[in-house]
Amino acid sequence: MPPETTQLLSETFKLLADPTRLAIVFACKEAPRPVGEIAGALDLSQSLVSHHLRLLRAGRLVAAERHGKHVLYRLNDAHIARVLTDMAEHVAEDHEEPHP
């Protein structure tokens, strides 16, 4: 893998390493949602959620869609949804037995 790709991948995983950002990304996984709805669902302030959404948008993990006066946030693409689903399944598995 080229070093540039490794660096970008590392930066993406750093964004997802923050529990608040990870929760926000999961909140956007099912359907596009406005900031206020995300904040309410996660019991966070709108300003904190907005700050994290800016970082997630810059990292191309979420995208914003304007609908009239409202801005809805969604996952940027299906790749991100698959990574989240796969990793959630991975941590839910019983990992007591080492795999070859």
Protein backbone atom coordinates (compact mmCIF):
# COMPACT_ATOMS: atom_id res chain seq x y z
CA MET A 1 0.00 0.00 0.00
CA PRO A 2 1.43 3.43 -0.90
CA PRO A 3 2.46 5.57 2.10
CA GLU A 4 -0.03 8.29 1.10
CA THR A 5 -2.88 5.79 1.28
CA THR A 6 -1.65 4.45 4.61
CA GLN A 7 -1.55 8.01 5.98
CA LEU A 8 -5.10 8.79 4.81
CA LEU A 9 -6.39 5.53 6.23
CA SER A 10 -4.70 6.24 9.54
CA GLU A 11 -6.28 9.69 9.68
CA THR A 12 -9.70 8.18 8.97
CA PHE A 13 -9.35 5.66 11.79
CA LYS A 14 -8.19 8.45 14.14
CA LEU A 15 -11.43 10.30 13.40
CA LEU A 16 -13.42 7.17 14.24
CA ALA A 17 -11.37 6.49 17.39
CA ASP A 18 -13.19 9.25 19.27
CA PRO A 19 -16.28 7.76 20.99
CA THR A 20 -18.39 10.88 20.38
CA ARG A 21 -17.57 10.98 16.67
CA LEU A 22 -18.16 7.25 16.37
CA ALA A 23 -21.58 7.62 18.01
CA ILE A 24 -22.41 10.47 15.61
CA VAL A 25 -21.40 8.38 12.61
CA PHE A 26 -23.57 5.50 13.81
CA ALA A 27 -26.45 7.96 14.33
CA CYS A 28 -26.15 8.95 10.66
CA LYS A 29 -25.94 5.36 9.44
CA GLU A 30 -29.65 4.54 9.13
CA ALA A 31 -30.96 7.76 7.62
CA PRO A 32 -29.98 11.39 7.09
CA ARG A 33 -30.50 13.37 10.31
CA PRO A 34 -30.34 17.03 11.35
CA VAL A 35 -27.89 18.20 14.00
CA GLY A 36 -30.61 18.73 16.60
CA GLU A 37 -31.88 15.18 16.22
CA ILE A 38 -28.38 13.72 16.49
CA ALA A 39 -27.66 15.88 19.55
CA GLY A 40 -30.93 14.82 21.21
CA ALA A 41 -30.41 11.14 20.51
CA LEU A 42 -26.90 11.24 21.97
CA ASP A 43 -27.69 13.69 24.79
CA LEU A 44 -25.03 16.13 23.54
CA SER A 45 -25.09 19.85 22.82
CA GLN A 46 -25.77 20.95 19.26
CA SER A 47 -22.54 22.94 19.22
CA LEU A 48 -20.50 19.86 20.18
CA VAL A 49 -22.22 17.74 17.54
CA SER A 50 -21.70 20.48 14.93
CA HIS A 51 -18.00 20.64 15.79
CA HIS A 52 -17.59 16.88 15.36
CA LEU A 53 -19.65 16.89 12.16
CA ARG A 54 -17.27 19.47 10.67
CA LEU A 55 -14.35 17.13 11.38
CA LEU A 56 -16.23 14.13 10.00
CA ARG A 57 -17.16 16.06 6.84
CA ALA A 58 -13.53 17.11 6.35
CA GLY A 59 -12.56 13.45 6.68
CA ARG A 60 -15.21 12.51 4.09
CA LEU A 61 -17.02 10.22 6.53
CA VAL A 62 -20.30 12.15 6.48
CA ALA A 63 -21.91 14.41 3.93
CA ALA A 64 -24.40 17.23 4.36
CA GLU A 65 -27.58 17.61 2.32
CA ARG A 66 -29.58 20.84 2.42
CA HIS A 67 -33.35 20.43 2.49
CA GLY A 68 -34.88 23.89 2.65
CA LYS A 69 -33.78 25.43 5.93
CA HIS A 70 -32.50 22.14 7.29
CA VAL A 71 -29.15 20.44 6.79
CA LEU A 72 -29.25 16.66 7.08
CA TYR A 73 -26.15 14.57 7.70
CA ARG A 74 -25.66 11.10 6.30
CA LEU A 75 -22.79 8.67 5.80
CA ASN A 76 -20.76 9.68 2.80
CA ASP A 77 -20.98 6.28 1.08
CA ALA A 78 -21.73 2.58 1.44
CA HIS A 79 -18.08 1.76 2.19
CA ILE A 80 -18.30 3.53 5.53
CA ALA A 81 -21.53 1.74 6.41
CA ARG A 82 -19.92 -1.62 5.65
CA VAL A 83 -16.85 -0.86 7.75
CA LEU A 84 -19.03 0.16 10.69
CA THR A 85 -21.24 -2.91 10.35
CA ASP A 86 -18.27 -5.27 10.00
CA MET A 87 -16.42 -3.81 12.97
CA ALA A 88 -19.55 -3.84 15.17
CA GLU A 89 -20.03 -7.52 14.31
CA HIS A 90 -16.34 -8.18 14.97
CA VAL A 91 -16.42 -6.73 18.50
CA ALA A 92 -19.65 -8.60 19.27
CA GLU A 93 -18.08 -11.98 18.45
CA ASP A 94 -16.64 -14.30 21.04
CA HIS A 95 -12.88 -13.89 20.62
CA GLU A 96 -11.64 -16.24 23.32
CA GLU A 97 -10.37 -18.80 20.81
CA PRO A 98 -7.38 -17.68 18.72
CA HIS A 99 -7.99 -17.92 15.00
CA PRO A 100 -5.27 -19.35 12.76
